[in-house]
Amino acid sequence: MKSPRWGYVRIISGTIFGGILGFYLMHRAELQYKEMWNERLKKYEEELKMNQSMETHTPTELSGDPLAR
């Protein structure tokens, strides 16, 4: 079975399956990357919210110090 037709079938099928595998792997990598950035964004928003709440409730305001610095 060393005919050129068998070689063409192997090349074409390898190209198709390789393309499908490559697409799948890149799709998975993209989803993981996107999820990583969503987690970082969520963490950043939580830190920002925490910093804003700390700025609005400074210790001088809570203690009643009339000379706020």
PDB file of N, CA and C in Angstrom:
ATOM      1  N   MET A   1       0.831  -1.187   0.000  1.00  0.00           N
ATOM      2  CA  MET A   1       0.000   0.000   0.000  1.00  0.00           C
ATOM      3  C   MET A   1       0.876   1.251   0.000  1.00  0.00           C
ATOM      4  N   LYS A   2       1.841   1.284  -0.862  1.00  0.00           N
ATOM      5  CA  LYS A   2       2.738   2.422  -0.950  1.00  0.00           C
ATOM      6  C   LYS A   2       2.383   3.301  -2.130  1.00  0.00           C
ATOM      7  N   SER A   3       1.131   3.429  -2.376  1.00  0.00           N
ATOM      8  CA  SER A   3       0.709   4.248  -3.512  1.00  0.00           C
ATOM      9  C   SER A   3       0.700   5.720  -3.118  1.00  0.00           C
ATOM     10  N   PRO A   4       0.847   6.606  -4.089  1.00  0.00           N
ATOM     11  CA  PRO A   4       0.803   8.043  -3.791  1.00  0.00           C
ATOM     12  C   PRO A   4      -0.539   8.468  -3.192  1.00  0.00           C
ATOM     13  N   ARG A   5      -1.593   7.749  -3.558  1.00  0.00           N
ATOM     14  CA  ARG A   5      -2.905   8.117  -3.025  1.00  0.00           C
ATOM     15  C   ARG A   5      -2.915   7.968  -1.494  1.00  0.00           C
ATOM     16  N   TRP A   6      -2.299   6.897  -0.966  1.00  0.00           N
ATOM     17  CA  TRP A   6      -2.238   6.696   0.476  1.00  0.00           C
ATOM     18  C   TRP A   6      -1.445   7.824   1.138  1.00  0.00           C
ATOM     19  N   GLY A   7      -0.424   8.269   0.502  1.00  0.00           N
ATOM     20  CA  GLY A   7       0.349   9.401   1.024  1.00  0.00           C
ATOM     21  C   GLY A   7      -0.478  10.669   1.077  1.00  0.00           C
ATOM     22  N   TYR A   8      -1.257  10.906   0.033  1.00  0.00           N
ATOM     23  CA  TYR A   8      -2.121  12.095   0.025  1.00  0.00           C
ATOM     24  C   TYR A   8      -3.167  12.025   1.135  1.00  0.00           C
ATOM     25  N   VAL A   9      -3.727  10.833   1.334  1.00  0.00           N
ATOM     26  CA  VAL A   9      -4.731  10.662   2.396  1.00  0.00           C
ATOM     27  C   VAL A   9      -4.104  10.949   3.755  1.00  0.00           C
ATOM     28  N   ARG A  10      -2.906  10.450   3.979  1.00  0.00           N
ATOM     29  CA  ARG A  10      -2.223  10.694   5.256  1.00  0.00           C
ATOM     30  C   ARG A  10      -1.936  12.175   5.455  1.00  0.00           C
ATOM     31  N   ILE A  11      -1.485  12.842   4.416  1.00  0.00           N
ATOM     32  CA  ILE A  11      -1.168  14.268   4.531  1.00  0.00           C
ATOM     33  C   ILE A  11      -2.430  15.081   4.794  1.00  0.00           C
ATOM     34  N   ILE A  12      -3.483  14.815   4.044  1.00  0.00           N
ATOM     35  CA  ILE A  12      -4.726  15.574   4.202  1.00  0.00           C
ATOM     36  C   ILE A  12      -5.348  15.311   5.571  1.00  0.00           C
ATOM     37  N   SER A  13      -5.411  14.033   5.982  1.00  0.00           N
ATOM     38  CA  SER A  13      -6.019  13.731   7.285  1.00  0.00           C
ATOM     39  C   SER A  13      -5.171  14.300   8.423  1.00  0.00           C
ATOM     40  N   GLY A  14      -3.867  14.249   8.295  1.00  0.00           N
ATOM     41  CA  GLY A  14      -2.998  14.836   9.319  1.00  0.00           C
ATOM     42  C   GLY A  14      -3.182  16.335   9.418  1.00  0.00           C
ATOM     43  N   THR A  15      -3.347  16.985   8.271  1.00  0.00           N
ATOM     44  CA  THR A  15      -3.571  18.427   8.266  1.00  0.00           C
ATOM     45  C   THR A  15      -4.895  18.778   8.935  1.00  0.00           C
ATOM     46  N   ILE A  16      -5.931  18.019   8.613  1.00  0.00           N
ATOM     47  CA  ILE A  16      -7.254  18.297   9.190  1.00  0.00           C
ATOM     48  C   ILE A  16      -7.248  18.049  10.693  1.00  0.00           C
ATOM     49  N   PHE A  17      -6.752  16.882  11.117  1.00  0.00           N
ATOM     50  CA  PHE A  17      -6.745  16.569  12.548  1.00  0.00           C
ATOM     51  C   PHE A  17      -5.804  17.492  13.317  1.00  0.00           C
ATOM     52  N   GLY A  18      -4.691  17.843  12.708  1.00  0.00           N
ATOM     53  CA  GLY A  18      -3.775  18.787  13.352  1.00  0.00           C
ATOM     54  C   GLY A  18      -4.405  20.159  13.517  1.00  0.00           C
ATOM     55  N   GLY A  19      -5.162  20.592  12.520  1.00  0.00           N
ATOM     56  CA  GLY A  19      -5.857  21.879  12.622  1.00  0.00           C
ATOM     57  C   GLY A  19      -6.913  21.867  13.706  1.00  0.00           C
ATOM     58  N   ILE A  20      -7.647  20.763  13.794  1.00  0.00           N
ATOM     59  CA  ILE A  20      -8.677  20.650  14.834  1.00  0.00           C
ATOM     60  C   ILE A  20      -8.028  20.649  16.215  1.00  0.00           C
ATOM     61  N   LEU A  21      -6.962  19.884  16.371  1.00  0.00           N
ATOM     62  CA  LEU A  21      -6.271  19.830  17.657  1.00  0.00           C
ATOM     63  C   LEU A  21      -5.685  21.194  18.021  1.00  0.00           C
ATOM     64  N   GLY A  22      -5.071  21.862  17.069  1.00  0.00           N
ATOM     65  CA  GLY A  22      -4.513  23.187  17.321  1.00  0.00           C
ATOM     66  C   GLY A  22      -5.576  24.192  17.704  1.00  0.00           C
ATOM     67  N   PHE A  23      -6.705  24.151  17.015  1.00  0.00           N
ATOM     68  CA  PHE A  23      -7.800  25.063  17.342  1.00  0.00           C
ATOM     69  C   PHE A  23      -8.304  24.803  18.751  1.00  0.00           C
ATOM     70  N   TYR A  24      -8.471  23.527  19.112  1.00  0.00           N
ATOM     71  CA  TYR A  24      -8.971  23.177  20.438  1.00  0.00           C
ATOM     72  C   TYR A  24      -8.004  23.650  21.526  1.00  0.00           C
ATOM     73  N   LEU A  25      -6.717  23.405  21.330  1.00  0.00           N
ATOM     74  CA  LEU A  25      -5.739  23.799  22.342  1.00  0.00           C
ATOM     75  C   LEU A  25      -5.670  25.319  22.493  1.00  0.00           C
ATOM     76  N   MET A  26      -5.720  26.048  21.396  1.00  0.00           N
ATOM     77  CA  MET A  26      -5.695  27.507  21.483  1.00  0.00           C
ATOM     78  C   MET A  26      -6.969  28.036  22.131  1.00  0.00           C
ATOM     79  N   HIS A  27      -8.092  27.402  21.855  1.00  0.00           N
ATOM     80  CA  HIS A  27      -9.355  27.800  22.475  1.00  0.00           C
ATOM     81  C   HIS A  27      -9.276  27.614  23.988  1.00  0.00           C
ATOM     82  N   ARG A  28      -8.730  26.478  24.429  1.00  0.00           N
ATOM     83  CA  ARG A  28      -8.585  26.231  25.866  1.00  0.00           C
ATOM     84  C   ARG A  28      -7.634  27.239  26.504  1.00  0.00           C
ATOM     85  N   ALA A  29      -6.530  27.530  25.838  1.00  0.00           N
ATOM     86  CA  ALA A  29      -5.571  28.494  26.376  1.00  0.00           C
ATOM     87  C   ALA A  29      -6.207  29.875  26.479  1.00  0.00           C
ATOM     88  N   GLU A  30      -6.993  30.255  25.486  1.00  0.00           N
ATOM     89  CA  GLU A  30      -7.661  31.555  25.508  1.00  0.00           C
ATOM     90  C   GLU A  30      -8.663  31.637  26.652  1.00  0.00           C
ATOM     91  N   LEU A  31      -9.414  30.571  26.887  1.00  0.00           N
ATOM     92  CA  LEU A  31     -10.384  30.573  27.983  1.00  0.00           C
ATOM     93  C   LEU A  31      -9.689  30.671  29.337  1.00  0.00           C
ATOM     94  N   GLN A  32      -8.577  29.965  29.505  1.00  0.00           N
ATOM     95  CA  GLN A  32      -7.838  30.045  30.767  1.00  0.00           C
ATOM     96  C   GLN A  32      -7.283  31.447  30.974  1.00  0.00           C
ATOM     97  N   TYR A  33      -6.764  32.056  29.924  1.00  0.00           N
ATOM     98  CA  TYR A  33      -6.210  33.403  30.012  1.00  0.00           C
ATOM     99  C   TYR A  33      -7.301  34.405  30.375  1.00  0.00           C
ATOM    100  N   LYS A  34      -8.458  34.253  29.747  1.00  0.00           N
ATOM    101  CA  LYS A  34      -9.581  35.145  30.015  1.00  0.00           C
ATOM    102  C   LYS A  34     -10.053  35.000  31.466  1.00  0.00           C
ATOM    103  N   GLU A  35     -10.130  33.780  31.944  1.00  0.00           N
ATOM    104  CA  GLU A  35     -10.558  33.535  33.325  1.00  0.00           C
ATOM    105  C   GLU A  35      -9.546  34.114  34.311  1.00  0.00           C
ATOM    106  N   MET A  36      -8.247  33.994  33.994  1.00  0.00           N
ATOM    107  CA  MET A  36      -7.221  34.558  34.859  1.00  0.00           C
ATOM    108  C   MET A  36      -7.398  36.069  34.970  1.00  0.00           C
ATOM    109  N   TRP A  37      -7.649  36.751  33.862  1.00  0.00           N
ATOM    110  CA  TRP A  37      -7.819  38.199  33.897  1.00  0.00           C
ATOM    111  C   TRP A  37      -9.115  38.591  34.586  1.00  0.00           C
ATOM    112  N   ASN A  38     -10.170  37.782  34.462  1.00  0.00           N
ATOM    113  CA  ASN A  38     -11.408  38.077  35.180  1.00  0.00           C
ATOM    114  C   ASN A  38     -11.191  37.984  36.684  1.00  0.00           C
ATOM    115  N   GLU A  39     -10.414  36.997  37.140  1.00  0.00           N
ATOM    116  CA  GLU A  39     -10.106  36.878  38.565  1.00  0.00           C
ATOM    117  C   GLU A  39      -9.284  38.071  39.041  1.00  0.00           C
ATOM    118  N   ARG A  40      -8.308  38.486  38.238  1.00  0.00           N
ATOM    119  CA  ARG A  40      -7.493  39.642  38.624  1.00  0.00           C
ATOM    120  C   ARG A  40      -8.330  40.909  38.673  1.00  0.00           C
ATOM    121  N   LEU A  41      -9.270  41.056  37.738  1.00  0.00           N
ATOM    122  CA  LEU A  41     -10.142  42.222  37.732  1.00  0.00           C
ATOM    123  C   LEU A  41     -11.040  42.222  38.959  1.00  0.00           C
ATOM    124  N   LYS A  42     -11.582  41.067  39.302  1.00  0.00           N
ATOM    125  CA  LYS A  42     -12.445  40.961  40.480  1.00  0.00           C
ATOM    126  C   LYS A  42     -11.665  41.326  41.745  1.00  0.00           C
ATOM    127  N   LYS A  43     -10.429  40.834  41.856  1.00  0.00           N
ATOM    128  CA  LYS A  43      -9.590  41.139  43.018  1.00  0.00           C
ATOM    129  C   LYS A  43      -9.276  42.633  43.065  1.00  0.00           C
ATOM    130  N   TYR A  44      -8.975  43.230  41.921  1.00  0.00           N
ATOM    131  CA  TYR A  44      -8.677  44.661  41.863  1.00  0.00           C
ATOM    132  C   TYR A  44      -9.890  45.483  42.276  1.00  0.00           C
ATOM    133  N   GLU A  45     -11.078  45.106  41.789  1.00  0.00           N
ATOM    134  CA  GLU A  45     -12.289  45.850  42.145  1.00  0.00           C
ATOM    135  C   GLU A  45     -12.577  45.748  43.637  1.00  0.00           C
ATOM    136  N   GLU A  46     -12.329  44.580  44.239  1.00  0.00           N
ATOM    137  CA  GLU A  46     -12.525  44.431  45.681  1.00  0.00           C
ATOM    138  C   GLU A  46     -11.555  45.318  46.451  1.00  0.00           C
ATOM    139  N   GLU A  47     -10.286  45.355  46.025  1.00  0.00           N
ATOM    140  CA  GLU A  47      -9.305  46.208  46.692  1.00  0.00           C
ATOM    141  C   GLU A  47      -9.669  47.677  46.534  1.00  0.00           C
ATOM    142  N   LEU A  48     -10.136  48.056  45.358  1.00  0.00           N
ATOM    143  CA  LEU A  48     -10.525  49.442  45.115  1.00  0.00           C
ATOM    144  C   LEU A  48     -11.707  49.823  45.996  1.00  0.00           C
ATOM    145  N   LYS A  49     -12.681  48.935  46.096  1.00  0.00           N
ATOM    146  CA  LYS A  49     -13.848  49.205  46.940  1.00  0.00           C
ATOM    147  C   LYS A  49     -13.429  49.320  48.405  1.00  0.00           C
ATOM    148  N   MET A  50     -12.507  48.455  48.829  1.00  0.00           N
ATOM    149  CA  MET A  50     -12.041  48.495  50.208  1.00  0.00           C
ATOM    150  C   MET A  50     -11.288  49.795  50.484  1.00  0.00           C
ATOM    151  N   ASN A  51     -10.455  50.232  49.546  1.00  0.00           N
ATOM    152  CA  ASN A  51      -9.714  51.483  49.721  1.00  0.00           C
ATOM    153  C   ASN A  51     -10.653  52.679  49.744  1.00  0.00           C
ATOM    154  N   GLN A  52     -11.681  52.668  48.912  1.00  0.00           N
ATOM    155  CA  GLN A  52     -12.634  53.776  48.898  1.00  0.00           C
ATOM    156  C   GLN A  52     -13.424  53.820  50.195  1.00  0.00           C
ATOM    157  N   SER A  53     -13.791  52.672  50.728  1.00  0.00           N
ATOM    158  CA  SER A  53     -14.536  52.670  51.988  1.00  0.00           C
ATOM    159  C   SER A  53     -13.641  53.120  53.134  1.00  0.00           C
ATOM    160  N   MET A  54     -12.349  52.818  53.060  1.00  0.00           N
ATOM    161  CA  MET A  54     -11.431  53.268  54.110  1.00  0.00           C
ATOM    162  C   MET A  54     -11.211  54.771  54.014  1.00  0.00           C
ATOM    163  N   GLU A  55     -11.205  55.325  52.810  1.00  0.00           N
ATOM    164  CA  GLU A  55     -11.029  56.769  52.647  1.00  0.00           C
ATOM    165  C   GLU A  55     -12.229  57.536  53.174  1.00  0.00           C
ATOM    166  N   THR A  56     -13.416  57.006  52.992  1.00  0.00           N
ATOM    167  CA  THR A  56     -14.610  57.713  53.458  1.00  0.00           C
ATOM    168  C   THR A  56     -14.745  57.637  54.967  1.00  0.00           C
ATOM    169  N   HIS A  57     -14.174  56.617  55.588  1.00  0.00           N
ATOM    170  CA  HIS A  57     -14.245  56.458  57.041  1.00  0.00           C
ATOM    171  C   HIS A  57     -12.836  56.512  57.618  1.00  0.00           C
ATOM    172  N   THR A  58     -12.237  57.672  57.590  1.00  0.00           N
ATOM    173  CA  THR A  58     -10.888  57.826  58.125  1.00  0.00           C
ATOM    174  C   THR A  58     -10.950  57.835  59.643  1.00  0.00           C
ATOM    175  N   PRO A  59      -9.864  57.501  60.316  1.00  0.00           N
ATOM    176  CA  PRO A  59      -9.864  57.477  61.784  1.00  0.00           C
ATOM    177  C   PRO A  59     -10.149  58.844  62.406  1.00  0.00           C
ATOM    178  N   THR A  60      -9.761  59.946  61.745  1.00  0.00           N
ATOM    179  CA  THR A  60     -10.014  61.267  62.331  1.00  0.00           C
ATOM    180  C   THR A  60     -11.499  61.569  62.340  1.00  0.00           C
ATOM    181  N   GLU A  61     -12.219  61.129  61.332  1.00  0.00           N
ATOM    182  CA  GLU A  61     -13.660  61.367  61.306  1.00  0.00           C
ATOM    183  C   GLU A  61     -14.359  60.519  62.359  1.00  0.00           C
ATOM    184  N   LEU A  62     -13.891  59.302  62.538  1.00  0.00           N
ATOM    185  CA  LEU A  62     -14.548  58.419  63.492  1.00  0.00           C
ATOM    186  C   LEU A  62     -14.264  58.835  64.935  1.00  0.00           C
ATOM    187  N   SER A  63     -13.071  59.376  65.195  1.00  0.00           N
ATOM    188  CA  SER A  63     -12.730  59.759  66.566  1.00  0.00           C
ATOM    189  C   SER A  63     -13.321  61.110  66.936  1.00  0.00           C
ATOM    190  N   GLY A  64     -13.774  61.860  65.966  1.00  0.00           N
ATOM    191  CA  GLY A  64     -14.357  63.162  66.255  1.00  0.00           C
ATOM    192  C   GLY A  64     -13.316  64.253  66.411  1.00  0.00           C
ATOM    193  N   ASP A  65     -12.136  64.070  65.878  1.00  0.00           N
ATOM    194  CA  ASP A  65     -11.073  65.060  65.965  1.00  0.00           C
ATOM    195  C   ASP A  65     -11.452  66.267  65.108  1.00  0.00           C
ATOM    196  N   PRO A  66     -11.582  67.465  65.694  1.00  0.00           N
ATOM    197  CA  PRO A  66     -11.973  68.628  64.894  1.00  0.00           C
ATOM    198  C   PRO A  66     -10.882  69.100  63.940  1.00  0.00           C
ATOM    199  N   LEU A  67      -9.641  68.743  64.209  1.00  0.00           N
ATOM    200  CA  LEU A  67      -8.531  69.161  63.344  1.00  0.00           C
ATOM    201  C   LEU A  67      -8.156  68.007  62.411  1.00  0.00           C
ATOM    202  N   ALA A  68      -8.984  67.787  61.454  1.00  0.00           N
ATOM    203  CA  ALA A  68      -8.727  66.698  60.504  1.00  0.00           C
ATOM    204  C   ALA A  68      -7.516  67.028  59.660  1.00  0.00           C
ATOM    205  N   ARG A  69      -6.659  66.080  59.492  1.00  0.00           N
ATOM    206  CA  ARG A  69      -5.419  66.310  58.747  1.00  0.00           C
ATOM    207  C   ARG A  69      -5.539  65.866  57.331  1.00  0.00           C
TER     208      ARG A  69
END
